[in-house]
Amino acid sequence: MNEYQPLDCDLHDYLEIACLRGYQLHIELIDGASLTARGLTTRTSSDKEEFFCVENADGQQEIRLDQLLAITPLDDNAQFGRVEFQGAVCSF
């Protein structure tokens, strides 16, 4: 996989809301793949790569944040709609 590119800081808020609310999400990846899963949490590895931890019928998995293209909550009363993740990055 390519060198990790940090996500725009403001976009982290959407992932946190999705996890806190337990939203079922349609998740689109930059490689064209997609999945439906519930957001659980985010984590940062020791080498500063960030991951979105999700769960669906296939079990739990981690998605590196710079591989996210978009998420769309499938819950009726979600606090946000489709969010695109590619574009600006957050520098530390």
PDB file of N, CA and C in Angstrom:
ATOM      1  N   MET A   1       0.843  -1.178   0.000  1.00  0.00           N
ATOM      2  CA  MET A   1       0.000   0.000   0.000  1.00  0.00           C
ATOM      3  C   MET A   1       0.887   1.240   0.000  1.00  0.00           C
ATOM      4  N   ASN A   2       0.394   2.316  -0.545  1.00  0.00           N
ATOM      5  CA  ASN A   2       1.138   3.570  -0.648  1.00  0.00           C
ATOM      6  C   ASN A   2       1.362   4.196   0.723  1.00  0.00           C
ATOM      7  N   GLU A   3       2.250   5.206   0.750  1.00  0.00           N
ATOM      8  CA  GLU A   3       2.511   5.945   1.980  1.00  0.00           C
ATOM      9  C   GLU A   3       1.216   6.588   2.467  1.00  0.00           C
ATOM     10  N   TYR A   4       0.986   6.541   3.767  1.00  0.00           N
ATOM     11  CA  TYR A   4      -0.252   7.067   4.347  1.00  0.00           C
ATOM     12  C   TYR A   4      -0.355   8.574   4.167  1.00  0.00           C
ATOM     13  N   GLN A   5      -1.536   9.017   3.723  1.00  0.00           N
ATOM     14  CA  GLN A   5      -1.838  10.437   3.578  1.00  0.00           C
ATOM     15  C   GLN A   5      -2.930  10.790   4.591  1.00  0.00           C
ATOM     16  N   PRO A   6      -2.617  11.616   5.606  1.00  0.00           N
ATOM     17  CA  PRO A   6      -3.617  11.954   6.629  1.00  0.00           C
ATOM     18  C   PRO A   6      -4.862  12.595   6.028  1.00  0.00           C
ATOM     19  N   LEU A   7      -5.975  12.362   6.688  1.00  0.00           N
ATOM     20  CA  LEU A   7      -7.275  12.878   6.268  1.00  0.00           C
ATOM     21  C   LEU A   7      -7.465  14.300   6.779  1.00  0.00           C
ATOM     22  N   ASP A   8      -8.267  15.081   6.091  1.00  0.00           N
ATOM     23  CA  ASP A   8      -8.655  16.406   6.553  1.00  0.00           C
ATOM     24  C   ASP A   8      -9.207  16.279   7.971  1.00  0.00           C
ATOM     25  N   CYS A   9      -8.725  17.108   8.881  1.00  0.00           N
ATOM     26  CA  CYS A   9      -9.110  17.019  10.299  1.00  0.00           C
ATOM     27  C   CYS A   9     -10.625  17.094  10.518  1.00  0.00           C
ATOM     28  N   ASP A  10     -11.310  17.960   9.761  1.00  0.00           N
ATOM     29  CA  ASP A  10     -12.755  18.114   9.941  1.00  0.00           C
ATOM     30  C   ASP A  10     -13.523  16.840   9.601  1.00  0.00           C
ATOM     31  N   LEU A  11     -12.976  16.015   8.726  1.00  0.00           N
ATOM     32  CA  LEU A  11     -13.675  14.804   8.313  1.00  0.00           C
ATOM     33  C   LEU A  11     -13.697  13.740   9.407  1.00  0.00           C
ATOM     34  N   HIS A  12     -12.769  13.817  10.335  1.00  0.00           N
ATOM     35  CA  HIS A  12     -12.758  12.886  11.465  1.00  0.00           C
ATOM     36  C   HIS A  12     -14.055  12.975  12.263  1.00  0.00           C
ATOM     37  N   ASP A  13     -14.625  14.171  12.340  1.00  0.00           N
ATOM     38  CA  ASP A  13     -15.871  14.367  13.101  1.00  0.00           C
ATOM     39  C   ASP A  13     -16.993  13.475  12.582  1.00  0.00           C
ATOM     40  N   TYR A  14     -17.095  13.323  11.277  1.00  0.00           N
ATOM     41  CA  TYR A  14     -18.148  12.481  10.704  1.00  0.00           C
ATOM     42  C   TYR A  14     -17.962  11.021  11.094  1.00  0.00           C
ATOM     43  N   LEU A  15     -16.725  10.567  11.121  1.00  0.00           N
ATOM     44  CA  LEU A  15     -16.464   9.192  11.535  1.00  0.00           C
ATOM     45  C   LEU A  15     -16.816   8.998  13.003  1.00  0.00           C
ATOM     46  N   GLU A  16     -16.471   9.971  13.824  1.00  0.00           N
ATOM     47  CA  GLU A  16     -16.785   9.884  15.257  1.00  0.00           C
ATOM     48  C   GLU A  16     -18.295   9.875  15.495  1.00  0.00           C
ATOM     49  N   ILE A  17     -19.027  10.720  14.787  1.00  0.00           N
ATOM     50  CA  ILE A  17     -20.488  10.738  14.922  1.00  0.00           C
ATOM     51  C   ILE A  17     -21.066   9.396  14.495  1.00  0.00           C
ATOM     52  N   ALA A  18     -20.581   8.871  13.373  1.00  0.00           N
ATOM     53  CA  ALA A  18     -21.076   7.581  12.881  1.00  0.00           C
ATOM     54  C   ALA A  18     -20.847   6.478  13.907  1.00  0.00           C
ATOM     55  N   CYS A  19     -19.708   6.504  14.568  1.00  0.00           N
ATOM     56  CA  CYS A  19     -19.405   5.488  15.589  1.00  0.00           C
ATOM     57  C   CYS A  19     -20.265   5.691  16.836  1.00  0.00           C
ATOM     58  N   LEU A  20     -20.351   6.923  17.315  1.00  0.00           N
ATOM     59  CA  LEU A  20     -21.131   7.206  18.524  1.00  0.00           C
ATOM     60  C   LEU A  20     -22.606   6.864  18.353  1.00  0.00           C
ATOM     61  N   ARG A  21     -23.138   7.140  17.164  1.00  0.00           N
ATOM     62  CA  ARG A  21     -24.557   6.881  16.888  1.00  0.00           C
ATOM     63  C   ARG A  21     -24.813   5.456  16.406  1.00  0.00           C
ATOM     64  N   GLY A  22     -23.750   4.724  16.100  1.00  0.00           N
ATOM     65  CA  GLY A  22     -23.906   3.349  15.628  1.00  0.00           C
ATOM     66  C   GLY A  22     -24.555   3.256  14.259  1.00  0.00           C
ATOM     67  N   TYR A  23     -24.282   4.243  13.403  1.00  0.00           N
ATOM     68  CA  TYR A  23     -24.895   4.270  12.077  1.00  0.00           C
ATOM     69  C   TYR A  23     -24.465   3.078  11.223  1.00  0.00           C
ATOM     70  N   GLN A  24     -25.407   2.566  10.487  1.00  0.00           N
ATOM     71  CA  GLN A  24     -25.122   1.621   9.417  1.00  0.00           C
ATOM     72  C   GLN A  24     -24.701   2.482   8.233  1.00  0.00           C
ATOM     73  N   LEU A  25     -23.587   2.157   7.607  1.00  0.00           N
ATOM     74  CA  LEU A  25     -23.011   3.007   6.571  1.00  0.00           C
ATOM     75  C   LEU A  25     -22.810   2.265   5.258  1.00  0.00           C
ATOM     76  N   HIS A  26     -23.003   2.983   4.171  1.00  0.00           N
ATOM     77  CA  HIS A  26     -22.530   2.519   2.867  1.00  0.00           C
ATOM     78  C   HIS A  26     -21.161   3.164   2.722  1.00  0.00           C
ATOM     79  N   ILE A  27     -20.111   2.342   2.624  1.00  0.00           N
ATOM     80  CA  ILE A  27     -18.735   2.825   2.601  1.00  0.00           C
ATOM     81  C   ILE A  27     -18.156   2.581   1.210  1.00  0.00           C
ATOM     82  N   GLU A  28     -17.676   3.646   0.586  1.00  0.00           N
ATOM     83  CA  GLU A  28     -17.060   3.555  -0.734  1.00  0.00           C
ATOM     84  C   GLU A  28     -15.555   3.761  -0.582  1.00  0.00           C
ATOM     85  N   LEU A  29     -14.786   2.907  -1.243  1.00  0.00           N
ATOM     86  CA  LEU A  29     -13.333   2.986  -1.179  1.00  0.00           C
ATOM     87  C   LEU A  29     -12.771   3.515  -2.494  1.00  0.00           C
ATOM     88  N   ILE A  30     -11.563   4.054  -2.447  1.00  0.00           N
ATOM     89  CA  ILE A  30     -10.987   4.664  -3.647  1.00  0.00           C
ATOM     90  C   ILE A  30     -10.679   3.644  -4.733  1.00  0.00           C
ATOM     91  N   ASP A  31     -10.575   2.369  -4.391  1.00  0.00           N
ATOM     92  CA  ASP A  31     -10.308   1.352  -5.402  1.00  0.00           C
ATOM     93  C   ASP A  31     -11.577   0.883  -6.113  1.00  0.00           C
ATOM     94  N   GLY A  32     -12.721   1.496  -5.788  1.00  0.00           N
ATOM     95  CA  GLY A  32     -13.985   1.156  -6.425  1.00  0.00           C
ATOM     96  C   GLY A  32     -14.822   0.161  -5.643  1.00  0.00           C
ATOM     97  N   ALA A  33     -14.255  -0.461  -4.626  1.00  0.00           N
ATOM     98  CA  ALA A  33     -15.004  -1.404  -3.791  1.00  0.00           C
ATOM     99  C   ALA A  33     -15.949  -0.643  -2.869  1.00  0.00           C
ATOM    100  N   SER A  34     -16.968  -1.329  -2.373  1.00  0.00           N
ATOM    101  CA  SER A  34     -17.875  -0.734  -1.393  1.00  0.00           C
ATOM    102  C   SER A  34     -18.365  -1.825  -0.456  1.00  0.00           C
ATOM    103  N   LEU A  35     -18.837  -1.411   0.697  1.00  0.00           N
ATOM    104  CA  LEU A  35     -19.386  -2.338   1.669  1.00  0.00           C
ATOM    105  C   LEU A  35     -20.386  -1.610   2.544  1.00  0.00           C
ATOM    106  N   THR A  36     -21.217  -2.391   3.202  1.00  0.00           N
ATOM    107  CA  THR A  36     -22.151  -1.865   4.189  1.00  0.00           C
ATOM    108  C   THR A  36     -21.690  -2.377   5.537  1.00  0.00           C
ATOM    109  N   ALA A  37     -21.507  -1.456   6.484  1.00  0.00           N
ATOM    110  CA  ALA A  37     -21.001  -1.833   7.801  1.00  0.00           C
ATOM    111  C   ALA A  37     -21.377  -0.767   8.818  1.00  0.00           C
ATOM    112  N   ARG A  38     -21.292  -1.140  10.083  1.00  0.00           N
ATOM    113  CA  ARG A  38     -21.535  -0.224  11.192  1.00  0.00           C
ATOM    114  C   ARG A  38     -20.175   0.261  11.712  1.00  0.00           C
ATOM    115  N   GLY A  39     -20.048   1.584  11.878  1.00  0.00           N
ATOM    116  CA  GLY A  39     -18.814   2.149  12.408  1.00  0.00           C
ATOM    117  C   GLY A  39     -18.669   1.811  13.888  1.00  0.00           C
ATOM    118  N   LEU A  40     -17.471   1.381  14.285  1.00  0.00           N
ATOM    119  CA  LEU A  40     -17.200   1.049  15.681  1.00  0.00           C
ATOM    120  C   LEU A  40     -16.318   2.088  16.362  1.00  0.00           C
ATOM    121  N   THR A  41     -15.175   2.378  15.756  1.00  0.00           N
ATOM    122  CA  THR A  41     -14.222   3.324  16.344  1.00  0.00           C
ATOM    123  C   THR A  41     -13.160   3.659  15.306  1.00  0.00           C
ATOM    124  N   THR A  42     -12.254   4.528  15.667  1.00  0.00           N
ATOM    125  CA  THR A  42     -11.059   4.780  14.861  1.00  0.00           C
ATOM    126  C   THR A  42      -9.853   4.463  15.726  1.00  0.00           C
ATOM    127  N   ARG A  43      -8.746   4.183  15.080  1.00  0.00           N
ATOM    128  CA  ARG A  43      -7.515   3.947  15.826  1.00  0.00           C
ATOM    129  C   ARG A  43      -6.330   4.444  15.029  1.00  0.00           C
ATOM    130  N   THR A  44      -5.255   4.756  15.732  1.00  0.00           N
ATOM    131  CA  THR A  44      -4.016   5.193  15.115  1.00  0.00           C
ATOM    132  C   THR A  44      -2.933   4.185  15.447  1.00  0.00           C
ATOM    133  N   SER A  45      -2.225   3.727  14.420  1.00  0.00           N
ATOM    134  CA  SER A  45      -1.151   2.759  14.632  1.00  0.00           C
ATOM    135  C   SER A  45       0.096   3.466  15.146  1.00  0.00           C
ATOM    136  N   SER A  46       1.088   2.704  15.550  1.00  0.00           N
ATOM    137  CA  SER A  46       2.324   3.274  16.087  1.00  0.00           C
ATOM    138  C   SER A  46       3.085   4.083  15.029  1.00  0.00           C
ATOM    139  N   ASP A  47       2.853   3.806  13.755  1.00  0.00           N
ATOM    140  CA  ASP A  47       3.513   4.578  12.701  1.00  0.00           C
ATOM    141  C   ASP A  47       2.609   5.675  12.132  1.00  0.00           C
ATOM    142  N   LYS A  48       1.592   6.079  12.919  1.00  0.00           N
ATOM    143  CA  LYS A  48       0.713   7.228  12.630  1.00  0.00           C
ATOM    144  C   LYS A  48      -0.288   6.998  11.499  1.00  0.00           C
ATOM    145  N   GLU A  49      -0.507   5.756  11.074  1.00  0.00           N
ATOM    146  CA  GLU A  49      -1.576   5.483  10.130  1.00  0.00           C
ATOM    147  C   GLU A  49      -2.880   5.392  10.912  1.00  0.00           C
ATOM    148  N   GLU A  50      -3.948   5.940  10.325  1.00  0.00           N
ATOM    149  CA  GLU A  50      -5.244   5.956  10.994  1.00  0.00           C
ATOM    150  C   GLU A  50      -6.204   4.996  10.293  1.00  0.00           C
ATOM    151  N   PHE A  51      -7.046   4.343  11.092  1.00  0.00           N
ATOM    152  CA  PHE A  51      -7.953   3.324  10.585  1.00  0.00           C
ATOM    153  C   PHE A  51      -9.363   3.548  11.111  1.00  0.00           C
ATOM    154  N   PHE A  52     -10.354   3.211  10.273  1.00  0.00           N
ATOM    155  CA  PHE A  52     -11.764   3.202  10.630  1.00  0.00           C
ATOM    156  C   PHE A  52     -12.120   1.745  10.879  1.00  0.00           C
ATOM    157  N   CYS A  53     -12.523   1.433  12.093  1.00  0.00           N
ATOM    158  CA  CYS A  53     -12.876   0.067  12.468  1.00  0.00           C
ATOM    159  C   CYS A  53     -14.382  -0.102  12.308  1.00  0.00           C
ATOM    160  N   VAL A  54     -14.779  -1.093  11.522  1.00  0.00           N
ATOM    161  CA  VAL A  54     -16.188  -1.319  11.203  1.00  0.00           C
ATOM    162  C   VAL A  54     -16.539  -2.787  11.419  1.00  0.00           C
ATOM    163  N   GLU A  55     -17.861  -3.046  11.441  1.00  0.00           N
ATOM    164  CA  GLU A  55     -18.326  -4.422  11.599  1.00  0.00           C
ATOM    165  C   GLU A  55     -19.536  -4.649  10.708  1.00  0.00           C
ATOM    166  N   ASN A  56     -19.547  -5.808  10.035  1.00  0.00           N
ATOM    167  CA  ASN A  56     -20.710  -6.225   9.258  1.00  0.00           C
ATOM    168  C   ASN A  56     -20.860  -7.740   9.412  1.00  0.00           C
ATOM    169  N   ALA A  57     -21.667  -8.357   8.575  1.00  0.00           N
ATOM    170  CA  ALA A  57     -21.929  -9.790   8.685  1.00  0.00           C
ATOM    171  C   ALA A  57     -20.660 -10.624   8.540  1.00  0.00           C
ATOM    172  N   ASP A  58     -19.645 -10.085   7.878  1.00  0.00           N
ATOM    173  CA  ASP A  58     -18.381 -10.798   7.697  1.00  0.00           C
ATOM    174  C   ASP A  58     -17.434 -10.630   8.881  1.00  0.00           C
ATOM    175  N   GLY A  59     -17.821  -9.848   9.875  1.00  0.00           N
ATOM    176  CA  GLY A  59     -16.981  -9.622  11.053  1.00  0.00           C
ATOM    177  C   GLY A  59     -16.423  -8.211  11.076  1.00  0.00           C
ATOM    178  N   GLN A  60     -15.408  -8.012  11.892  1.00  0.00           N
ATOM    179  CA  GLN A  60     -14.785  -6.701  12.039  1.00  0.00           C
ATOM    180  C   GLN A  60     -13.635  -6.559  11.055  1.00  0.00           C
ATOM    181  N   GLN A  61     -13.440  -5.338  10.582  1.00  0.00           N
ATOM    182  CA  GLN A  61     -12.300  -5.044   9.733  1.00  0.00           C
ATOM    183  C   GLN A  61     -11.886  -3.602   9.928  1.00  0.00           C
ATOM    184  N   GLU A  62     -10.671  -3.301   9.494  1.00  0.00           N
ATOM    185  CA  GLU A  62     -10.145  -1.948   9.577  1.00  0.00           C
ATOM    186  C   GLU A  62      -9.891  -1.426   8.176  1.00  0.00           C
ATOM    187  N   ILE A  63     -10.261  -0.172   7.959  1.00  0.00           N
ATOM    188  CA  ILE A  63     -10.053   0.487   6.674  1.00  0.00           C
ATOM    189  C   ILE A  63      -9.143   1.674   6.922  1.00  0.00           C
ATOM    190  N   ARG A  64      -8.016   1.708   6.226  1.00  0.00           N
ATOM    191  CA  ARG A  64      -7.120   2.848   6.370  1.00  0.00           C
ATOM    192  C   ARG A  64      -7.837   4.092   5.865  1.00  0.00           C
ATOM    193  N   LEU A  65      -7.797   5.176   6.635  1.00  0.00           N
ATOM    194  CA  LEU A  65      -8.608   6.351   6.328  1.00  0.00           C
ATOM    195  C   LEU A  65      -8.330   6.950   4.957  1.00  0.00           C
ATOM    196  N   ASP A  66      -7.105   6.854   4.485  1.00  0.00           N
ATOM    197  CA  ASP A  66      -6.834   7.432   3.165  1.00  0.00           C
ATOM    198  C   ASP A  66      -7.323   6.548   2.021  1.00  0.00           C
ATOM    199  N   GLN A  67      -7.960   5.426   2.358  1.00  0.00           N
ATOM    200  CA  GLN A  67      -8.581   4.565   1.346  1.00  0.00           C
ATOM    201  C   GLN A  67     -10.077   4.826   1.218  1.00  0.00           C
ATOM    202  N   LEU A  68     -10.619   5.679   2.110  1.00  0.00           N
ATOM    203  CA  LEU A  68     -12.041   6.034   2.056  1.00  0.00           C
ATOM    204  C   LEU A  68     -12.298   7.030   0.939  1.00  0.00           C
ATOM    205  N   LEU A  69     -13.313   6.758   0.141  1.00  0.00           N
ATOM    206  CA  LEU A  69     -13.780   7.720  -0.850  1.00  0.00           C
ATOM    207  C   LEU A  69     -14.960   8.498  -0.269  1.00  0.00           C
ATOM    208  N   ALA A  70     -15.927   7.755   0.329  1.00  0.00           N
ATOM    209  CA  ALA A  70     -17.117   8.400   0.888  1.00  0.00           C
ATOM    210  C   ALA A  70     -17.821   7.440   1.839  1.00  0.00           C
ATOM    211  N   ILE A  71     -18.598   8.024   2.758  1.00  0.00           N
ATOM    212  CA  ILE A  71     -19.516   7.244   3.585  1.00  0.00           C
ATOM    213  C   ILE A  71     -20.895   7.888   3.482  1.00  0.00           C
ATOM    214  N   THR A  72     -21.920   7.040   3.516  1.00  0.00           N
ATOM    215  CA  THR A  72     -23.303   7.513   3.500  1.00  0.00           C
ATOM    216  C   THR A  72     -24.070   6.768   4.573  1.00  0.00           C
ATOM    217  N   PRO A  73     -24.608   7.470   5.584  1.00  0.00           N
ATOM    218  CA  PRO A  73     -25.407   6.793   6.603  1.00  0.00           C
ATOM    219  C   PRO A  73     -26.702   6.254   5.992  1.00  0.00           C
ATOM    220  N   LEU A  74     -27.087   5.060   6.405  1.00  0.00           N
ATOM    221  CA  LEU A  74     -28.309   4.442   5.910  1.00  0.00           C
ATOM    222  C   LEU A  74     -29.458   4.577   6.899  1.00  0.00           C
ATOM    223  N   ASP A  75     -29.197   5.135   8.075  1.00  0.00           N
ATOM    224  CA  ASP A  75     -30.216   5.332   9.094  1.00  0.00           C
ATOM    225  C   ASP A  75     -31.118   6.514   8.720  1.00  0.00           C
ATOM    226  N   ASP A  76     -32.407   6.392   8.981  1.00  0.00           N
ATOM    227  CA  ASP A  76     -33.379   7.425   8.602  1.00  0.00           C
ATOM    228  C   ASP A  76     -33.099   8.790   9.223  1.00  0.00           C
ATOM    229  N   ASN A  77     -32.695   8.830  10.470  1.00  0.00           N
ATOM    230  CA  ASN A  77     -32.526  10.104  11.179  1.00  0.00           C
ATOM    231  C   ASN A  77     -31.061  10.494  11.361  1.00  0.00           C
ATOM    232  N   ALA A  78     -30.221  10.146  10.414  1.00  0.00           N
ATOM    233  CA  ALA A  78     -28.787  10.449  10.512  1.00  0.00           C
ATOM    234  C   ALA A  78     -28.559  11.961  10.538  1.00  0.00           C
ATOM    235  N   GLN A  79     -27.493  12.378  11.223  1.00  0.00           N
ATOM    236  CA  GLN A  79     -27.179  13.804  11.357  1.00  0.00           C
ATOM    237  C   GLN A  79     -26.434  14.378  10.152  1.00  0.00           C
ATOM    238  N   PHE A  80     -26.080  13.537   9.208  1.00  0.00           N
ATOM    239  CA  PHE A  80     -25.402  14.008   8.010  1.00  0.00           C
ATOM    240  C   PHE A  80     -25.726  13.065   6.855  1.00  0.00           C
ATOM    241  N   GLY A  81     -25.457  13.532   5.646  1.00  0.00           N
ATOM    242  CA  GLY A  81     -25.660  12.714   4.451  1.00  0.00           C
ATOM    243  C   GLY A  81     -24.329  12.175   3.956  1.00  0.00           C
ATOM    244  N   ARG A  82     -24.211  12.003   2.654  1.00  0.00           N
ATOM    245  CA  ARG A  82     -22.972  11.466   2.071  1.00  0.00           C
ATOM    246  C   ARG A  82     -21.821  12.426   2.332  1.00  0.00           C
ATOM    247  N   VAL A  83     -20.696  11.879   2.780  1.00  0.00           N
ATOM    248  CA  VAL A  83     -19.498  12.667   3.048  1.00  0.00           C
ATOM    249  C   VAL A  83     -18.363  12.101   2.193  1.00  0.00           C
ATOM    250  N   GLU A  84     -17.739  12.979   1.398  1.00  0.00           N
ATOM    251  CA  GLU A  84     -16.603  12.576   0.578  1.00  0.00           C
ATOM    252  C   GLU A  84     -15.312  12.860   1.327  1.00  0.00           C
ATOM    253  N   PHE A  85     -14.372  11.910   1.254  1.00  0.00           N
ATOM    254  CA  PHE A  85     -13.149  12.001   2.040  1.00  0.00           C
ATOM    255  C   PHE A  85     -11.902  12.348   1.247  1.00  0.00           C
ATOM    256  N   GLN A  86     -11.956  12.330  -0.044  1.00  0.00           N
ATOM    257  CA  GLN A  86     -10.759  12.630  -0.827  1.00  0.00           C
ATOM    258  C   GLN A  86     -10.670  14.126  -1.073  1.00  0.00           C
ATOM    259  N   GLY A  87      -9.451  14.666  -0.982  1.00  0.00           N
ATOM    260  CA  GLY A  87      -9.266  16.103  -1.186  1.00  0.00           C
ATOM    261  C   GLY A  87      -8.213  16.636  -0.236  1.00  0.00           C
ATOM    262  N   ALA A  88      -8.598  17.567   0.607  1.00  0.00           N
ATOM    263  CA  ALA A  88      -7.663  18.209   1.536  1.00  0.00           C
ATOM    264  C   ALA A  88      -7.163  17.227   2.582  1.00  0.00           C
ATOM    265  N   VAL A  89      -5.952  17.481   3.053  1.00  0.00           N
ATOM    266  CA  VAL A  89      -5.372  16.645   4.101  1.00  0.00           C
ATOM    267  C   VAL A  89      -5.037  17.486   5.318  1.00  0.00           C
ATOM    268  N   CYS A  90      -4.896  16.826   6.430  1.00  0.00           N
ATOM    269  CA  CYS A  90      -4.567  17.472   7.699  1.00  0.00           C
ATOM    270  C   CYS A  90      -3.090  17.251   7.974  1.00  0.00           C
ATOM    271  N   SER A  91      -2.335  18.280   8.223  1.00  0.00           N
ATOM    272  CA  SER A  91      -0.925  18.099   8.558  1.00  0.00           C
ATOM    273  C   SER A  91      -0.739  18.200  10.063  1.00  0.00           C
ATOM    274  N   PHE A  92       0.185  17.424  10.556  1.00  0.00           N
ATOM    275  CA  PHE A  92       0.452  17.385  12.004  1.00  0.00           C
ATOM    276  C   PHE A  92       1.695  18.162  12.329  1.00  0.00           C
TER     277      PHE A  92
END
